[in-house]
Amino acid sequence: LNSSFVLCFTGSKEWDSAAGDIILFESGGVVLDYVSKCRLAYNK
């Protein structure tokens, strides 16, 4: 996959996004909550 951004408009749970979130973050990218525009929150 060669993309600058990806939208996720399907239902997902924390365990679906956690690994990808940290890998992307550590490589300089970011996953943002569509509503709050902040990084995804965990342990909610």
All heavy atoms as atom14 arrays in JSON, in Angstrom:
{
  "sequence": "LNSSFVLCFTGSKEWDSAAGDIILFESGGVVLDYVSKCRLAYNK",
  "atom14_mask": [
    [1, 1, 1, 1, 1, 1, 1, 1, 0, 0, 0, 0, 0, 0],
    [1, 1, 1, 1, 1, 1, 1, 1, 0, 0, 0, 0, 0, 0],
    [1, 1, 1, 1, 1, 1, 0, 0, 0, 0, 0, 0, 0, 0],
    [1, 1, 1, 1, 1, 1, 0, 0, 0, 0, 0, 0, 0, 0],
    [1, 1, 1, 1, 1, 1, 1, 1, 1, 1, 1, 0, 0, 0],
    [1, 1, 1, 1, 1, 1, 1, 0, 0, 0, 0, 0, 0, 0],
    [1, 1, 1, 1, 1, 1, 1, 1, 0, 0, 0, 0, 0, 0],
    [1, 1, 1, 1, 1, 1, 0, 0, 0, 0, 0, 0, 0, 0],
    [1, 1, 1, 1, 1, 1, 1, 1, 1, 1, 1, 0, 0, 0],
    [1, 1, 1, 1, 1, 1, 1, 0, 0, 0, 0, 0, 0, 0],
    [1, 1, 1, 1, 0, 0, 0, 0, 0, 0, 0, 0, 0, 0],
    [1, 1, 1, 1, 1, 1, 0, 0, 0, 0, 0, 0, 0, 0],
    [1, 1, 1, 1, 1, 1, 1, 1, 1, 0, 0, 0, 0, 0],
    [1, 1, 1, 1, 1, 1, 1, 1, 1, 0, 0, 0, 0, 0],
    [1, 1, 1, 1, 1, 1, 1, 1, 1, 1, 1, 1, 1, 1],
    [1, 1, 1, 1, 1, 1, 1, 1, 0, 0, 0, 0, 0, 0],
    [1, 1, 1, 1, 1, 1, 0, 0, 0, 0, 0, 0, 0, 0],
    [1, 1, 1, 1, 1, 0, 0, 0, 0, 0, 0, 0, 0, 0],
    [1, 1, 1, 1, 1, 0, 0, 0, 0, 0, 0, 0, 0, 0],
    [1, 1, 1, 1, 0, 0, 0, 0, 0, 0, 0, 0, 0, 0],
    [1, 1, 1, 1, 1, 1, 1, 1, 0, 0, 0, 0, 0, 0],
    [1, 1, 1, 1, 1, 1, 1, 1, 0, 0, 0, 0, 0, 0],
    [1, 1, 1, 1, 1, 1, 1, 1, 0, 0, 0, 0, 0, 0],
    [1, 1, 1, 1, 1, 1, 1, 1, 0, 0, 0, 0, 0, 0],
    [1, 1, 1, 1, 1, 1, 1, 1, 1, 1, 1, 0, 0, 0],
    [1, 1, 1, 1, 1, 1, 1, 1, 1, 0, 0, 0, 0, 0],
    [1, 1, 1, 1, 1, 1, 0, 0, 0, 0, 0, 0, 0, 0],
    [1, 1, 1, 1, 0, 0, 0, 0, 0, 0, 0, 0, 0, 0],
    [1, 1, 1, 1, 0, 0, 0, 0, 0, 0, 0, 0, 0, 0],
    [1, 1, 1, 1, 1, 1, 1, 0, 0, 0, 0, 0, 0, 0],
    [1, 1, 1, 1, 1, 1, 1, 0, 0, 0, 0, 0, 0, 0],
    [1, 1, 1, 1, 1, 1, 1, 1, 0, 0, 0, 0, 0, 0],
    [1, 1, 1, 1, 1, 1, 1, 1, 0, 0, 0, 0, 0, 0],
    [1, 1, 1, 1, 1, 1, 1, 1, 1, 1, 1, 1, 0, 0],
    [1, 1, 1, 1, 1, 1, 1, 0, 0, 0, 0, 0, 0, 0],
    [1, 1, 1, 1, 1, 1, 0, 0, 0, 0, 0, 0, 0, 0],
    [1, 1, 1, 1, 1, 1, 1, 1, 1, 0, 0, 0, 0, 0],
    [1, 1, 1, 1, 1, 1, 0, 0, 0, 0, 0, 0, 0, 0],
    [1, 1, 1, 1, 1, 1, 1, 1, 1, 1, 1, 0, 0, 0],
    [1, 1, 1, 1, 1, 1, 1, 1, 0, 0, 0, 0, 0, 0],
    [1, 1, 1, 1, 1, 0, 0, 0, 0, 0, 0, 0, 0, 0],
    [1, 1, 1, 1, 1, 1, 1, 1, 1, 1, 1, 1, 0, 0],
    [1, 1, 1, 1, 1, 1, 1, 1, 0, 0, 0, 0, 0, 0],
    [1, 1, 1, 1, 1, 1, 1, 1, 1, 0, 0, 0, 0, 0]
  ],
  "atom14_positions": [
    [[0.84, -1.19, 0.0], [0.0, 0.0, 0.0], [0.88, 1.24, 0.0], [1.76, 1.4, 0.82], [-0.9, -0.01, 1.24], [-1.85, 1.18, 1.39], [-2.86, 1.19, 0.25], [-2.57, 1.09, 2.72], [0.0, 0.0, 0.0], [0.0, 0.0, 0.0], [0.0, 0.0, 0.0], [0.0, 0.0, 0.0], [0.0, 0.0, 0.0], [0.0, 0.0, 0.0]],
    [[0.64, 2.12, -0.94], [1.39, 3.36, -1.03], [0.39, 4.5, -0.96], [-0.14, 4.94, -1.96], [2.18, 3.4, -2.34], [3.08, 4.61, -2.41], [3.25, 5.34, -1.43], [3.67, 4.84, -3.56], [0.0, 0.0, 0.0], [0.0, 0.0, 0.0], [0.0, 0.0, 0.0], [0.0, 0.0, 0.0], [0.0, 0.0, 0.0], [0.0, 0.0, 0.0]],
    [[0.13, 4.96, 0.25], [-0.88, 5.98, 0.45], [-0.41, 6.97, 1.5], [0.35, 6.65, 2.4], [-2.17, 5.31, 0.92], [-3.17, 6.26, 1.14], [0.0, 0.0, 0.0], [0.0, 0.0, 0.0], [0.0, 0.0, 0.0], [0.0, 0.0, 0.0], [0.0, 0.0, 0.0], [0.0, 0.0, 0.0], [0.0, 0.0, 0.0], [0.0, 0.0, 0.0]],
    [[-0.9, 8.2, 1.38], [-0.54, 9.23, 2.36], [-1.5, 9.24, 3.54], [-1.15, 9.67, 4.62], [-0.55, 10.6, 1.7], [0.45, 10.68, 0.73], [0.0, 0.0, 0.0], [0.0, 0.0, 0.0], [0.0, 0.0, 0.0], [0.0, 0.0, 0.0], [0.0, 0.0, 0.0], [0.0, 0.0, 0.0], [0.0, 0.0, 0.0], [0.0, 0.0, 0.0]],
    [[-2.74, 8.8, 3.29], [-3.71, 8.75, 4.39], [-4.73, 7.65, 4.11], [-4.94, 7.24, 2.99], [-4.39, 10.09, 4.6], [-5.31, 10.51, 3.47], [-6.66, 10.28, 3.57], [-4.81, 11.11, 2.35], [-7.51, 10.64, 2.54], [-5.66, 11.49, 1.32], [-7.01, 11.24, 1.4], [0.0, 0.0, 0.0], [0.0, 0.0, 0.0], [0.0, 0.0, 0.0]],
    [[-5.35, 7.18, 5.19], [-6.36, 6.13, 5.1], [-7.51, 6.52, 6.01], [-7.3, 6.93, 7.15], [-5.79, 4.76, 5.56], [-6.87, 3.69, 5.57], [-4.63, 4.34, 4.68], [0.0, 0.0, 0.0], [0.0, 0.0, 0.0], [0.0, 0.0, 0.0], [0.0, 0.0, 0.0], [0.0, 0.0, 0.0], [0.0, 0.0, 0.0], [0.0, 0.0, 0.0]],
    [[-8.73, 6.4, 5.5], [-9.93, 6.67, 6.29], [-10.51, 5.36, 6.78], [-10.55, 4.38, 6.04], [-10.99, 7.38, 5.44], [-10.56, 8.67, 4.76], [-11.62, 9.1, 3.77], [-10.32, 9.74, 5.78], [0.0, 0.0, 0.0], [0.0, 0.0, 0.0], [0.0, 0.0, 0.0], [0.0, 0.0, 0.0], [0.0, 0.0, 0.0], [0.0, 0.0, 0.0]],
    [[-10.99, 5.32, 8.01], [-11.66, 4.13, 8.54], [-13.04, 4.53, 9.02], [-13.19, 5.17, 10.06], [-10.86, 3.51, 9.68], [-11.67, 2.02, 10.32], [0.0, 0.0, 0.0], [0.0, 0.0, 0.0], [0.0, 0.0, 0.0], [0.0, 0.0, 0.0], [0.0, 0.0, 0.0], [0.0, 0.0, 0.0], [0.0, 0.0, 0.0], [0.0, 0.0, 0.0]],
    [[-14.05, 4.16, 8.23], [-15.43, 4.47, 8.58], [-16.22, 3.2, 8.88], [-17.42, 3.15, 8.69], [-16.11, 5.26, 7.46], [-15.58, 6.66, 7.32], [-14.98, 7.07, 6.15], [-15.67, 7.56, 8.36], [-14.5, 8.36, 6.02], [-15.18, 8.85, 8.25], [-14.6, 9.25, 7.07], [0.0, 0.0, 0.0], [0.0, 0.0, 0.0], [0.0, 0.0, 0.0]],
    [[-15.53, 2.18, 9.32], [-16.21, 0.96, 9.74], [-16.01, 0.81, 11.24], [-15.09, 1.39, 11.81], [-15.63, -0.28, 9.04], [-14.23, -0.38, 9.36], [-15.79, -0.18, 7.53], [0.0, 0.0, 0.0], [0.0, 0.0, 0.0], [0.0, 0.0, 0.0], [0.0, 0.0, 0.0], [0.0, 0.0, 0.0], [0.0, 0.0, 0.0], [0.0, 0.0, 0.0]],
    [[-16.87, 0.06, 11.87], [-16.74, -0.15, 13.31], [-15.45, -0.89, 13.64], [-15.09, -1.85, 12.98], [0.0, 0.0, 0.0], [0.0, 0.0, 0.0], [0.0, 0.0, 0.0], [0.0, 0.0, 0.0], [0.0, 0.0, 0.0], [0.0, 0.0, 0.0], [0.0, 0.0, 0.0], [0.0, 0.0, 0.0], [0.0, 0.0, 0.0], [0.0, 0.0, 0.0]],
    [[-14.73, -0.41, 14.61], [-13.52, -1.1, 15.06], [-13.39, -0.94, 16.56], [-13.99, -0.06, 17.17], [-12.27, -0.56, 14.36], [-12.0, 0.77, 14.77], [0.0, 0.0, 0.0], [0.0, 0.0, 0.0], [0.0, 0.0, 0.0], [0.0, 0.0, 0.0], [0.0, 0.0, 0.0], [0.0, 0.0, 0.0], [0.0, 0.0, 0.0], [0.0, 0.0, 0.0]],
    [[-12.63, -1.82, 17.14], [-12.37, -1.8, 18.58], [-10.91, -1.43, 18.8], [-10.09, -1.43, 17.89], [-12.66, -3.17, 19.2], [-14.06, -3.7, 18.97], [-15.02, -3.06, 19.91], [-16.28, -3.84, 20.06], [-17.42, -3.55, 19.38], [0.0, 0.0, 0.0], [0.0, 0.0, 0.0], [0.0, 0.0, 0.0], [0.0, 0.0, 0.0], [0.0, 0.0, 0.0]],
    [[-10.57, -1.13, 20.04], [-9.19, -0.73, 20.37], [-8.17, -1.73, 19.88], [-7.12, -1.36, 19.37], [-9.05, -0.52, 21.88], [-9.78, 0.69, 22.4], [-9.56, 0.93, 23.88], [-8.87, 0.14, 24.54], [-10.09, 1.93, 24.38], [0.0, 0.0, 0.0], [0.0, 0.0, 0.0], [0.0, 0.0, 0.0], [0.0, 0.0, 0.0], [0.0, 0.0, 0.0]],
    [[-8.46, -3.02, 20.04], [-7.48, -4.04, 19.65], [-7.3, -4.11, 18.14], [-6.3, -4.63, 17.66], [-7.85, -5.42, 20.22], [-9.23, -5.87, 19.87], [-9.66, -6.39, 18.68], [-10.37, -5.83, 20.72], [-10.99, -6.67, 18.72], [-11.47, -6.35, 19.98], [-10.6, -5.43, 22.03], [-12.74, -6.46, 20.5], [-11.88, -5.55, 22.54], [-12.92, -6.05, 21.79]],
    [[-8.25, -3.58, 17.38], [-8.11, -3.56, 15.92], [-7.13, -2.49, 15.45], [-6.54, -2.61, 14.38], [-9.47, -3.29, 15.26], [-10.49, -4.38, 15.53], [-10.11, -5.56, 15.5], [-11.66, -4.03, 15.77], [0.0, 0.0, 0.0], [0.0, 0.0, 0.0], [0.0, 0.0, 0.0], [0.0, 0.0, 0.0], [0.0, 0.0, 0.0], [0.0, 0.0, 0.0]],
    [[-7.0, -1.43, 16.23], [-6.2, -0.29, 15.78], [-4.88, -0.1, 16.53], [-3.99, 0.59, 16.05], [-7.01, 1.01, 15.93], [-7.39, 1.2, 17.28], [0.0, 0.0, 0.0], [0.0, 0.0, 0.0], [0.0, 0.0, 0.0], [0.0, 0.0, 0.0], [0.0, 0.0, 0.0], [0.0, 0.0, 0.0], [0.0, 0.0, 0.0], [0.0, 0.0, 0.0]],
    [[-4.73, -0.72, 17.69], [-3.58, -0.43, 18.57], [-2.23, -0.69, 17.92], [-1.34, 0.17, 17.96], [-3.71, -1.21, 19.87], [0.0, 0.0, 0.0], [0.0, 0.0, 0.0], [0.0, 0.0, 0.0], [0.0, 0.0, 0.0], [0.0, 0.0, 0.0], [0.0, 0.0, 0.0], [0.0, 0.0, 0.0], [0.0, 0.0, 0.0], [0.0, 0.0, 0.0]],
    [[-2.04, -1.85, 17.32], [-0.73, -2.18, 16.74], [-0.38, -1.24, 15.59], [0.72, -0.7, 15.53], [-0.71, -3.63, 16.27], [0.0, 0.0, 0.0], [0.0, 0.0, 0.0], [0.0, 0.0, 0.0], [0.0, 0.0, 0.0], [0.0, 0.0, 0.0], [0.0, 0.0, 0.0], [0.0, 0.0, 0.0], [0.0, 0.0, 0.0], [0.0, 0.0, 0.0]],
    [[-1.33, -1.04, 14.67], [-1.08, -0.14, 13.56], [-0.84, 1.29, 14.0], [-0.01, 2.0, 13.44], [0.0, 0.0, 0.0], [0.0, 0.0, 0.0], [0.0, 0.0, 0.0], [0.0, 0.0, 0.0], [0.0, 0.0, 0.0], [0.0, 0.0, 0.0], [0.0, 0.0, 0.0], [0.0, 0.0, 0.0], [0.0, 0.0, 0.0], [0.0, 0.0, 0.0]],
    [[-1.56, 1.7, 15.04], [-1.42, 3.05, 15.58], [0.0, 3.29, 16.09], [0.64, 4.27, 15.73], [-2.44, 3.26, 16.71], [-2.48, 4.68, 17.25], [-1.74, 5.56, 16.76], [-3.26, 4.92, 18.18], [0.0, 0.0, 0.0], [0.0, 0.0, 0.0], [0.0, 0.0, 0.0], [0.0, 0.0, 0.0], [0.0, 0.0, 0.0], [0.0, 0.0, 0.0]],
    [[0.53, 2.38, 16.89], [1.87, 2.59, 17.45], [2.95, 2.47, 16.38], [3.93, 3.23, 16.39], [2.15, 1.66, 18.65], [3.42, 2.11, 19.39], [2.27, 0.22, 18.24], [3.35, 3.47, 20.02], [0.0, 0.0, 0.0], [0.0, 0.0, 0.0], [0.0, 0.0, 0.0], [0.0, 0.0, 0.0], [0.0, 0.0, 0.0], [0.0, 0.0, 0.0]],
    [[2.76, 1.57, 15.43], [3.75, 1.44, 14.35], [3.78, 2.73, 13.52], [4.85, 3.26, 13.22], [3.45, 0.22, 13.45], [3.71, -1.07, 14.24], [4.26, 0.27, 12.16], [3.2, -2.32, 13.56], [0.0, 0.0, 0.0], [0.0, 0.0, 0.0], [0.0, 0.0, 0.0], [0.0, 0.0, 0.0], [0.0, 0.0, 0.0], [0.0, 0.0, 0.0]],
    [[2.6, 3.23, 13.17], [2.54, 4.47, 12.39], [3.11, 5.64, 13.19], [3.89, 6.44, 12.66], [1.09, 4.76, 11.98], [0.88, 5.92, 11.02], [1.62, 5.68, 9.71], [-0.59, 6.14, 10.77], [0.0, 0.0, 0.0], [0.0, 0.0, 0.0], [0.0, 0.0, 0.0], [0.0, 0.0, 0.0], [0.0, 0.0, 0.0], [0.0, 0.0, 0.0]],
    [[2.76, 5.74, 14.47], [3.25, 6.82, 15.32], [4.78, 6.79, 15.43], [5.44, 7.82, 15.3], [2.62, 6.74, 16.7], [3.08, 7.82, 17.64], [2.61, 9.12, 17.5], [3.97, 7.55, 18.65], [3.04, 10.12, 18.35], [4.41, 8.54, 19.52], [3.93, 9.83, 19.37], [0.0, 0.0, 0.0], [0.0, 0.0, 0.0], [0.0, 0.0, 0.0]],
    [[5.33, 5.62, 15.65], [6.79, 5.48, 15.79], [7.52, 5.79, 14.49], [8.7, 6.13, 14.51], [7.16, 4.09, 16.3], [6.77, 3.84, 17.75], [7.51, 4.73, 18.74], [8.72, 4.96, 18.55], [6.87, 5.19, 19.71], [0.0, 0.0, 0.0], [0.0, 0.0, 0.0], [0.0, 0.0, 0.0], [0.0, 0.0, 0.0], [0.0, 0.0, 0.0]],
    [[6.82, 5.67, 13.36], [7.47, 5.98, 12.08], [7.2, 7.42, 11.64], [7.57, 7.81, 10.53], [6.98, 5.01, 11.0], [5.62, 5.22, 10.72], [0.0, 0.0, 0.0], [0.0, 0.0, 0.0], [0.0, 0.0, 0.0], [0.0, 0.0, 0.0], [0.0, 0.0, 0.0], [0.0, 0.0, 0.0], [0.0, 0.0, 0.0], [0.0, 0.0, 0.0]],
    [[6.55, 8.21, 12.51], [6.35, 9.62, 12.22], [4.97, 10.0, 11.74], [4.68, 11.16, 11.49], [0.0, 0.0, 0.0], [0.0, 0.0, 0.0], [0.0, 0.0, 0.0], [0.0, 0.0, 0.0], [0.0, 0.0, 0.0], [0.0, 0.0, 0.0], [0.0, 0.0, 0.0], [0.0, 0.0, 0.0], [0.0, 0.0, 0.0], [0.0, 0.0, 0.0]],
    [[4.08, 9.02, 11.61], [2.71, 9.29, 11.19], [1.82, 9.45, 12.41], [2.28, 9.48, 13.54], [0.0, 0.0, 0.0], [0.0, 0.0, 0.0], [0.0, 0.0, 0.0], [0.0, 0.0, 0.0], [0.0, 0.0, 0.0], [0.0, 0.0, 0.0], [0.0, 0.0, 0.0], [0.0, 0.0, 0.0], [0.0, 0.0, 0.0], [0.0, 0.0, 0.0]],
    [[0.52, 9.53, 12.15], [-0.42, 9.71, 13.26], [-1.8, 9.18, 12.85], [-2.18, 9.24, 11.69], [-0.51, 11.2, 13.67], [-1.1, 12.06, 12.57], [-1.27, 11.38, 14.96], [0.0, 0.0, 0.0], [0.0, 0.0, 0.0], [0.0, 0.0, 0.0], [0.0, 0.0, 0.0], [0.0, 0.0, 0.0], [0.0, 0.0, 0.0], [0.0, 0.0, 0.0]],
    [[-2.5, 8.62, 13.83], [-3.89, 8.2, 13.66], [-4.73, 9.15, 14.49], [-4.52, 9.27, 15.7], [-4.12, 6.74, 14.1], [-5.58, 6.37, 13.94], [-3.23, 5.79, 13.32], [0.0, 0.0, 0.0], [0.0, 0.0, 0.0], [0.0, 0.0, 0.0], [0.0, 0.0, 0.0], [0.0, 0.0, 0.0], [0.0, 0.0, 0.0], [0.0, 0.0, 0.0]],
    [[-5.68, 9.84, 13.84], [-6.51, 10.82, 14.54], [-7.97, 10.4, 14.56], [-8.5, 9.92, 13.56], [-6.4, 12.19, 13.85], [-5.03, 12.82, 13.81], [-5.08, 14.14, 13.04], [-4.47, 13.03, 15.2], [0.0, 0.0, 0.0], [0.0, 0.0, 0.0], [0.0, 0.0, 0.0], [0.0, 0.0, 0.0], [0.0, 0.0, 0.0], [0.0, 0.0, 0.0]],
    [[-8.59, 10.59, 15.71], [-10.02, 10.36, 15.88], [-10.76, 11.34, 14.97], [-10.46, 12.54, 14.95], [-10.37, 10.6, 17.35], [-11.82, 10.36, 17.67], [-12.68, 11.08, 17.12], [-12.09, 9.48, 18.5], [0.0, 0.0, 0.0], [0.0, 0.0, 0.0], [0.0, 0.0, 0.0], [0.0, 0.0, 0.0], [0.0, 0.0, 0.0], [0.0, 0.0, 0.0]],
    [[-11.73, 10.86, 14.21], [-12.44, 11.71, 13.26], [-13.25, 12.8, 13.96], [-13.42, 13.89, 13.43], [-13.35, 10.86, 12.37], [-13.93, 11.62, 11.21], [-13.17, 11.82, 10.07], [-15.21, 12.13, 11.26], [-13.68, 12.53, 8.98], [-15.73, 12.84, 10.19], [-14.97, 13.03, 9.06], [-15.47, 13.74, 8.0], [0.0, 0.0, 0.0], [0.0, 0.0, 0.0]],
    [[-13.75, 12.51, 15.17], [-14.6, 13.46, 15.89], [-13.77, 14.5, 16.64], [-13.94, 15.7, 16.48], [-15.54, 12.71, 16.86], [-16.34, 13.69, 17.7], [-16.46, 11.77, 16.1], [0.0, 0.0, 0.0], [0.0, 0.0, 0.0], [0.0, 0.0, 0.0], [0.0, 0.0, 0.0], [0.0, 0.0, 0.0], [0.0, 0.0, 0.0], [0.0, 0.0, 0.0]],
    [[-12.83, 14.02, 17.48], [-12.06, 14.93, 18.34], [-10.84, 15.52, 17.65], [-10.28, 16.51, 18.11], [-11.6, 14.21, 19.6], [-10.59, 13.26, 19.29], [0.0, 0.0, 0.0], [0.0, 0.0, 0.0], [0.0, 0.0, 0.0], [0.0, 0.0, 0.0], [0.0, 0.0, 0.0], [0.0, 0.0, 0.0], [0.0, 0.0, 0.0], [0.0, 0.0, 0.0]],
    [[-10.4, 14.89, 16.57], [-9.19, 15.28, 15.84], [-7.92, 15.16, 16.69], [-6.92, 15.79, 16.44], [-9.33, 16.67, 15.24], [-10.46, 16.73, 14.24], [-10.56, 18.04, 13.54], [-11.63, 18.07, 12.49], [-12.94, 17.62, 12.87], [0.0, 0.0, 0.0], [0.0, 0.0, 0.0], [0.0, 0.0, 0.0], [0.0, 0.0, 0.0], [0.0, 0.0, 0.0]],
    [[-8.0, 14.32, 17.72], [-6.86, 14.01, 18.59], [-6.44, 12.57, 18.31], [-7.16, 11.82, 17.66], [-7.26, 14.14, 20.06], [-7.71, 15.81, 20.54], [0.0, 0.0, 0.0], [0.0, 0.0, 0.0], [0.0, 0.0, 0.0], [0.0, 0.0, 0.0], [0.0, 0.0, 0.0], [0.0, 0.0, 0.0], [0.0, 0.0, 0.0], [0.0, 0.0, 0.0]],
    [[-5.28, 12.2, 18.81], [-4.84, 10.81, 18.67], [-5.89, 9.89, 19.28], [-6.6, 10.28, 20.21], [-3.5, 10.59, 19.37], [-2.37, 11.24, 18.6], [-1.0, 10.78, 19.05], [-0.86, 9.35, 18.8], [-0.12, 8.54, 19.57], [0.52, 8.99, 20.61], [-0.04, 7.25, 19.31], [0.0, 0.0, 0.0], [0.0, 0.0, 0.0], [0.0, 0.0, 0.0]],
    [[-5.99, 8.68, 18.77], [-6.95, 7.72, 19.31], [-6.68, 7.5, 20.79], [-5.52, 7.43, 21.21], [-6.85, 6.38, 18.6], [-7.4, 6.28, 17.19], [-7.29, 4.85, 16.68], [-8.83, 6.76, 17.1], [0.0, 0.0, 0.0], [0.0, 0.0, 0.0], [0.0, 0.0, 0.0], [0.0, 0.0, 0.0], [0.0, 0.0, 0.0], [0.0, 0.0, 0.0]],
    [[-7.74, 7.41, 21.56], [-7.62, 7.16, 23.0], [-7.78, 5.66, 23.24], [-8.55, 4.98, 22.55], [-8.69, 7.92, 23.76], [0.0, 0.0, 0.0], [0.0, 0.0, 0.0], [0.0, 0.0, 0.0], [0.0, 0.0, 0.0], [0.0, 0.0, 0.0], [0.0, 0.0, 0.0], [0.0, 0.0, 0.0], [0.0, 0.0, 0.0], [0.0, 0.0, 0.0]],
    [[-7.06, 5.15, 24.23], [-7.14, 3.74, 24.6], [-7.47, 3.63, 26.08], [-7.37, 4.59, 26.82], [-5.81, 3.03, 24.26], [-5.58, 2.96, 22.77], [-4.81, 3.91, 22.12], [-6.17, 1.96, 22.01], [-4.63, 3.86, 20.75], [-6.0, 1.9, 20.64], [-5.23, 2.85, 20.02], [-5.05, 2.81, 18.67], [0.0, 0.0, 0.0], [0.0, 0.0, 0.0]],
    [[-7.88, 2.43, 26.48], [-8.29, 2.15, 27.86], [-9.49, 3.0, 28.26], [-9.6, 3.47, 29.38], [-7.14, 2.34, 28.85], [-5.99, 1.41, 28.55], [-6.2, 0.22, 28.33], [-4.79, 1.95, 28.49], [0.0, 0.0, 0.0], [0.0, 0.0, 0.0], [0.0, 0.0, 0.0], [0.0, 0.0, 0.0], [0.0, 0.0, 0.0], [0.0, 0.0, 0.0]],
    [[-10.41, 3.18, 27.29], [-11.63, 3.93, 27.54], [-12.68, 3.0, 28.16], [-12.52, 1.79, 28.15], [-12.2, 4.48, 26.22], [-11.22, 5.28, 25.38], [-11.83, 5.74, 24.06], [-12.41, 4.67, 23.2], [-11.5, 3.84, 22.46], [0.0, 0.0, 0.0], [0.0, 0.0, 0.0], [0.0, 0.0, 0.0], [0.0, 0.0, 0.0], [0.0, 0.0, 0.0]]
  ]
}
